[in-house]
Amino acid sequence: MTAAKPSLGGAEQPLKGIALICLAVLLFASHDALSKYLSGFYAIVMVVWARYVVHTVLMLVVFVPRSGFSAVVRTRRPGLQLARALCLIGTSLFFTTGLRYIPLAEATAVNFLAPLLVTALSVPLLGERVSRHQWLAVIAGFLGVLIVVRPGGVLFTPAILYPLCSAFCFGCYQLLTRKLSGIDSPTTSNFLTGILNSLIMTALVPFFWTTPSLSHALFMLGLGTCGMLGHMLLTQAFRHAAPAMLAPFSYGQIVFAGLYGYLLFEHMPDLFGIVGIAVICLSGLAVAWTQRRA
């Protein structure tokens, strides 16, 4: 996810920012629910391919006529842009694979370790200082994962490594996004990521191709549309309110994921799962709160 700095005018409309981010995380949860459903019928590579191709085509339609193709794709750090794209495609592949084996709410919660990993990795990679309270929040977040996947529990399987790897890739993606934020525009970064990942997945998809039914093709179209609109709304949300203010509402994605899991896949987290998810959420909120104070 790419966050833009709020503008002076936009920062005066926090309720609009909150409404936009709530709608964005609903779309992200819808994207994940569609991914979980489609992964039961098609290869993971094909599902991820559909997501990026639709996303890229929509960006071509929306942004290229407005700014021109050369302006949108021009970057001063092509190496970092490629690394960013690879991190996001790693997130997609690991997370979608994990959804085959892990319930939606629990997988989403584990993926929300990413902000905590950003905090931990910002020390060696960006040279930033992290306070004792932030380190405690990071440790608490990993304890929350241990509660969710406690030894002897249903989720205590090697499959839990998929959302954990997804969280690590997404943390690296966020760090690279932060590094590129002062170099390239968010539109350029998102567009290049979409193009690069579409090309990579298009090269792989012939080896995994299964012709989808009409209904599944529409679901694939919806998959990419949810991803694209979610990112656009998220960017707009940060134009109207500060990131620290919006951070708590981003965890609404776990709530929406839980609702989808219950309504579509008949799964409800058990007591330990709910406690672990709460610990992960509170840890992430603690990091956001300490950053706001700083």
Protein backbone atom coordinates (compact mmCIF):
# COMPACT_ATOMS: atom_id res chain seq x y z
CA MET A 1 0.00 0.00 0.00
CA THR A 2 1.26 3.41 -0.88
CA ALA A 3 0.56 6.39 1.34
CA ALA A 4 0.74 9.95 0.09
CA LYS A 5 1.46 12.88 2.35
CA PRO A 6 -1.72 14.77 3.24
CA SER A 7 -2.17 18.13 1.64
CA LEU A 8 -2.91 21.21 3.71
CA GLY A 9 -6.45 21.43 2.46
CA GLY A 10 -7.10 17.72 2.71
CA ALA A 11 -5.83 17.48 6.27
CA GLU A 12 -8.83 19.55 7.36
CA GLN A 13 -11.24 16.76 6.39
CA PRO A 14 -10.42 13.83 8.72
CA LEU A 15 -13.91 12.32 8.49
CA LYS A 16 -13.59 12.10 4.72
CA GLY A 17 -10.21 10.42 5.12
CA ILE A 18 -11.66 7.92 7.61
CA ALA A 19 -14.57 7.13 5.30
CA LEU A 20 -12.21 6.59 2.36
CA ILE A 21 -9.85 4.28 4.24
CA CYS A 22 -12.77 2.23 5.59
CA LEU A 23 -14.04 1.77 2.04
CA ALA A 24 -10.49 0.95 0.88
CA VAL A 25 -9.98 -1.81 3.44
CA LEU A 26 -13.42 -3.22 2.59
CA LEU A 27 -12.25 -3.49 -1.02
CA PHE A 28 -8.97 -5.11 0.08
CA ALA A 29 -10.90 -7.66 2.15
CA SER A 30 -13.17 -8.29 -0.85
CA HIS A 31 -10.07 -8.79 -3.00
CA ASP A 32 -8.72 -11.36 -0.53
CA ALA A 33 -12.06 -13.18 -0.31
CA LEU A 34 -12.19 -13.46 -4.12
CA SER A 35 -8.57 -14.67 -4.13
CA LYS A 36 -9.39 -17.37 -1.60
CA TYR A 37 -12.45 -18.48 -3.58
CA LEU A 38 -10.69 -18.53 -6.97
CA SER A 39 -7.61 -20.31 -5.61
CA GLY A 40 -9.86 -23.32 -4.99
CA PHE A 41 -10.40 -23.66 -8.76
CA TYR A 42 -7.27 -22.28 -10.42
CA ALA A 43 -3.51 -22.21 -9.95
CA ILE A 44 -2.22 -19.44 -7.68
CA VAL A 45 -0.15 -18.03 -10.56
CA MET A 46 -3.30 -17.61 -12.65
CA VAL A 47 -5.20 -15.85 -9.86
CA VAL A 48 -2.32 -13.43 -9.20
CA TRP A 49 -1.90 -12.88 -12.96
CA ALA A 50 -5.54 -11.83 -13.29
CA ARG A 51 -5.19 -9.43 -10.38
CA TYR A 52 -2.21 -7.58 -11.87
CA VAL A 53 -3.35 -7.55 -15.49
CA VAL A 54 -6.74 -6.04 -14.62
CA HIS A 55 -5.06 -3.57 -12.24
CA THR A 56 -2.60 -2.46 -14.94
CA VAL A 57 -5.22 -2.12 -17.67
CA LEU A 58 -7.36 0.05 -15.39
CA MET A 59 -4.36 2.26 -14.58
CA LEU A 60 -3.66 2.60 -18.31
CA VAL A 61 -7.22 3.77 -18.85
CA VAL A 62 -7.28 6.16 -15.88
CA PHE A 63 -3.81 7.74 -15.75
CA VAL A 64 -2.15 7.53 -19.19
CA PRO A 65 -4.69 9.78 -21.03
CA ARG A 66 -4.28 12.33 -18.25
CA SER A 67 -0.48 12.44 -17.92
CA GLY A 68 0.93 10.61 -20.93
CA PHE A 69 2.65 7.22 -20.95
CA SER A 70 6.23 8.51 -20.82
CA ALA A 71 5.51 10.76 -17.85
CA VAL A 72 3.84 7.94 -15.90
CA VAL A 73 6.62 5.40 -16.41
CA ARG A 74 9.62 7.75 -16.04
CA THR A 75 11.65 6.81 -12.95
CA ARG A 76 14.99 7.88 -11.54
CA ARG A 77 15.54 4.60 -9.68
CA PRO A 78 14.60 1.66 -11.92
CA GLY A 79 16.46 -0.82 -9.71
CA LEU A 80 14.48 0.14 -6.62
CA GLN A 81 11.25 0.07 -8.62
CA LEU A 82 12.01 -3.48 -9.77
CA ALA A 83 12.82 -4.58 -6.21
CA ARG A 84 9.57 -2.98 -5.01
CA ALA A 85 7.56 -4.82 -7.67
CA LEU A 86 9.18 -8.15 -6.79
CA CYS A 87 8.37 -7.63 -3.10
CA LEU A 88 4.71 -7.01 -3.91
CA ILE A 89 4.47 -10.01 -6.22
CA GLY A 90 6.03 -12.09 -3.44
CA THR A 91 3.36 -10.79 -1.08
CA SER A 92 0.60 -11.74 -3.52
CA LEU A 93 1.93 -15.23 -4.22
CA PHE A 94 2.64 -16.11 -0.58
CA PHE A 95 -0.61 -14.65 0.76
CA THR A 96 -2.87 -16.18 -1.90
CA THR A 97 -1.19 -19.56 -1.42
CA GLY A 98 -1.70 -19.24 2.33
CA LEU A 99 -5.42 -18.59 1.82
CA ARG A 100 -5.76 -22.14 0.50
CA TYR A 101 -4.90 -23.47 3.95
CA ILE A 102 -5.43 -20.63 6.46
CA PRO A 103 -8.78 -18.96 7.28
CA LEU A 104 -9.22 -15.45 5.92
CA ALA A 105 -9.27 -13.51 9.21
CA GLU A 106 -6.23 -15.25 10.69
CA ALA A 107 -4.19 -14.94 7.48
CA THR A 108 -5.07 -11.24 7.24
CA ALA A 109 -4.08 -10.67 10.86
CA VAL A 110 -0.70 -12.36 10.37
CA ASN A 111 -0.14 -10.25 7.25
CA PHE A 112 -0.66 -7.17 9.43
CA LEU A 113 2.70 -7.91 11.03
CA ALA A 114 4.09 -5.90 8.11
CA PRO A 115 3.97 -2.50 9.91
CA LEU A 116 5.80 -4.07 12.84
CA LEU A 117 8.40 -5.56 10.50
CA VAL A 118 8.82 -2.13 8.91
CA THR A 119 9.62 -0.77 12.37
CA ALA A 120 12.19 -3.49 13.02
CA LEU A 121 13.79 -3.37 9.54
CA SER A 122 13.96 0.43 9.43
CA VAL A 123 16.88 0.30 11.88
CA PRO A 124 19.37 -1.69 9.74
CA LEU A 125 18.02 -0.64 6.32
CA LEU A 126 17.12 3.03 6.79
CA GLY A 127 19.21 3.91 9.84
CA GLU A 128 16.16 5.10 11.78
CA ARG A 129 15.91 5.08 15.56
CA VAL A 130 13.29 2.88 17.22
CA SER A 131 12.22 3.49 20.79
CA ARG A 132 11.93 0.88 23.53
CA HIS A 133 8.12 1.10 23.36
CA GLN A 134 8.18 0.39 19.64
CA TRP A 135 10.40 -2.66 20.15
CA LEU A 136 7.99 -3.91 22.83
CA ALA A 137 5.12 -3.49 20.36
CA VAL A 138 7.03 -5.50 17.73
CA ILE A 139 7.66 -8.32 20.22
CA ALA A 140 4.01 -8.25 21.32
CA GLY A 141 2.91 -8.55 17.69
CA PHE A 142 4.92 -11.75 17.23
CA LEU A 143 3.49 -13.08 20.50
CA GLY A 144 0.05 -12.43 19.00
CA VAL A 145 0.97 -14.64 16.06
CA LEU A 146 2.11 -17.37 18.47
CA ILE A 147 -1.28 -17.16 20.21
CA VAL A 148 -3.09 -17.53 16.87
CA VAL A 149 -0.97 -20.52 15.78
CA ARG A 150 -0.36 -21.97 19.26
CA PRO A 151 1.26 -25.44 19.40
CA GLY A 152 -1.46 -28.03 19.20
CA GLY A 153 -3.86 -25.64 17.49
CA VAL A 154 -5.46 -26.20 14.10
CA LEU A 155 -3.24 -23.57 12.47
CA PHE A 156 0.01 -24.99 13.86
CA THR A 157 1.14 -26.25 10.45
CA PRO A 158 3.89 -25.28 7.97
CA ALA A 159 1.20 -23.43 5.97
CA ILE A 160 1.33 -20.54 8.47
CA LEU A 161 4.71 -19.68 6.94
CA TYR A 162 2.93 -18.43 3.82
CA PRO A 163 1.27 -15.40 5.46
CA LEU A 164 4.42 -14.84 7.52
CA CYS A 165 6.51 -14.68 4.33
CA SER A 166 3.83 -12.45 2.83
CA ALA A 167 4.14 -10.07 5.78
CA PHE A 168 7.92 -9.97 5.40
CA CYS A 169 7.66 -9.20 1.66
CA PHE A 170 5.03 -6.54 2.32
CA GLY A 171 7.22 -4.97 5.00
CA CYS A 172 10.10 -4.73 2.52
CA TYR A 173 7.65 -3.33 -0.04
CA GLN A 174 6.61 -0.60 2.39
CA LEU A 175 10.23 0.27 3.16
CA LEU A 176 11.02 0.60 -0.54
CA THR A 177 7.85 2.67 -0.99
CA ARG A 178 9.05 4.99 1.76
CA LYS A 179 12.48 5.26 0.12
CA LEU A 180 10.96 6.01 -3.30
CA SER A 181 8.37 8.49 -1.99
CA GLY A 182 10.76 11.43 -2.38
CA ILE A 183 12.05 10.24 -5.77
CA ASP A 184 9.06 9.13 -7.88
CA SER A 185 5.36 9.95 -7.67
CA PRO A 186 2.93 7.39 -6.19
CA THR A 187 1.29 7.07 -9.63
CA THR A 188 4.62 6.17 -11.26
CA SER A 189 5.50 3.67 -8.52
CA ASN A 190 2.12 1.94 -8.64
CA PHE A 191 1.98 1.92 -12.43
CA LEU A 192 5.48 0.48 -12.81
CA THR A 193 4.72 -2.17 -10.20
CA GLY A 194 1.59 -3.16 -12.09
CA ILE A 195 3.37 -3.33 -15.47
CA LEU A 196 6.40 -5.27 -14.17
CA ASN A 197 4.28 -7.78 -12.26
CA SER A 198 1.88 -8.20 -15.17
CA LEU A 199 4.81 -9.01 -17.46
CA ILE A 200 6.30 -11.48 -14.97
CA MET A 201 2.99 -13.27 -14.38
CA THR A 202 2.13 -13.27 -18.10
CA ALA A 203 5.39 -15.11 -18.76
CA LEU A 204 4.45 -17.73 -16.16
CA VAL A 205 0.71 -18.14 -16.68
CA PRO A 206 0.84 -20.29 -19.89
CA PHE A 207 2.30 -23.11 -17.78
CA PHE A 208 -0.67 -22.94 -15.38
CA TRP A 209 -3.51 -21.88 -17.68
CA THR A 210 -7.05 -23.18 -17.27
CA THR A 211 -9.79 -21.45 -19.24
CA PRO A 212 -12.12 -19.87 -16.65
CA SER A 213 -15.89 -20.03 -16.80
CA LEU A 214 -17.77 -16.81 -17.49
CA SER A 215 -18.68 -16.31 -13.82
CA HIS A 216 -15.10 -16.93 -12.70
CA ALA A 217 -13.80 -14.56 -15.38
CA LEU A 218 -16.08 -11.87 -13.91
CA PHE A 219 -14.75 -12.68 -10.44
CA MET A 220 -11.20 -12.23 -11.78
CA LEU A 221 -12.23 -8.88 -13.22
CA GLY A 222 -13.66 -7.96 -9.83
CA LEU A 223 -10.45 -9.11 -8.16
CA GLY A 224 -8.29 -6.66 -10.08
CA THR A 225 -10.89 -3.90 -9.81
CA CYS A 226 -11.04 -4.22 -6.01
CA GLY A 227 -7.25 -4.04 -5.81
CA MET A 228 -7.03 -1.01 -8.09
CA LEU A 229 -9.87 0.94 -6.45
CA GLY A 230 -8.60 0.06 -2.98
CA HIS A 231 -5.18 1.56 -3.72
CA MET A 232 -6.72 4.68 -5.27
CA LEU A 233 -9.01 5.25 -2.27
CA LEU A 234 -6.15 4.62 0.14
CA THR A 235 -4.03 7.26 -1.58
CA GLN A 236 -6.92 9.72 -1.46
CA ALA A 237 -7.56 8.98 2.22
CA PHE A 238 -4.04 10.12 3.12
CA ARG A 239 -4.65 13.38 1.31
CA HIS A 240 -7.41 14.21 3.78
CA ALA A 241 -6.01 12.98 7.10
CA ALA A 242 -2.68 12.16 8.72
CA PRO A 243 -1.44 8.54 8.55
CA ALA A 244 -1.32 8.23 12.34
CA MET A 245 -5.00 9.20 12.54
CA LEU A 246 -6.02 6.69 9.88
CA ALA A 247 -3.86 3.78 11.12
CA PRO A 248 -6.49 2.41 13.57
CA PHE A 249 -9.11 2.23 10.82
CA SER A 250 -6.84 0.22 8.52
CA TYR A 251 -7.27 -2.69 10.96
CA GLY A 252 -10.91 -2.76 9.97
CA GLN A 253 -9.69 -5.00 7.14
CA ILE A 254 -9.33 -7.82 9.68
CA VAL A 255 -12.94 -7.29 10.78
CA PHE A 256 -14.17 -7.37 7.18
CA ALA A 257 -12.04 -10.45 6.52
CA GLY A 258 -13.64 -12.15 9.52
CA LEU A 259 -17.11 -11.32 8.22
CA TYR A 260 -16.28 -12.69 4.77
CA GLY A 261 -14.77 -15.77 6.35
CA TYR A 262 -17.94 -16.41 8.32
CA LEU A 263 -20.44 -15.59 5.56
CA LEU A 264 -18.66 -17.20 2.59
CA PHE A 265 -16.45 -19.91 4.09
CA GLU A 266 -18.31 -20.69 7.35
CA HIS A 267 -15.29 -20.06 9.55
CA MET A 268 -15.21 -18.20 12.85
CA PRO A 269 -11.94 -17.68 14.77
CA ASP A 270 -11.84 -19.47 18.13
CA LEU A 271 -11.13 -17.68 21.41
CA PHE A 272 -7.35 -17.99 21.06
CA GLY A 273 -7.57 -16.72 17.49
CA ILE A 274 -9.58 -13.67 18.58
CA VAL A 275 -7.12 -12.92 21.42
CA GLY A 276 -4.12 -13.30 19.09
CA ILE A 277 -5.71 -11.09 16.44
CA ALA A 278 -6.44 -8.45 19.11
CA VAL A 279 -2.82 -8.53 20.30
CA ILE A 280 -1.53 -8.05 16.73
CA CYS A 281 -3.93 -5.13 16.17
CA LEU A 282 -3.03 -3.45 19.46
CA SER A 283 0.68 -3.86 18.72
CA GLY A 284 0.30 -2.17 15.35
CA LEU A 285 -1.76 0.61 16.89
CA ALA A 286 0.89 1.09 19.58
CA VAL A 287 3.54 1.60 16.89
CA ALA A 288 1.29 4.12 15.10
CA TRP A 289 0.64 5.95 18.39
CA THR A 290 4.33 6.24 19.26
CA GLN A 291 5.08 7.52 15.75
CA ARG A 292 2.33 10.11 16.13
CA ARG A 293 3.81 11.29 19.43
CA ALA A 294 7.24 11.54 17.82
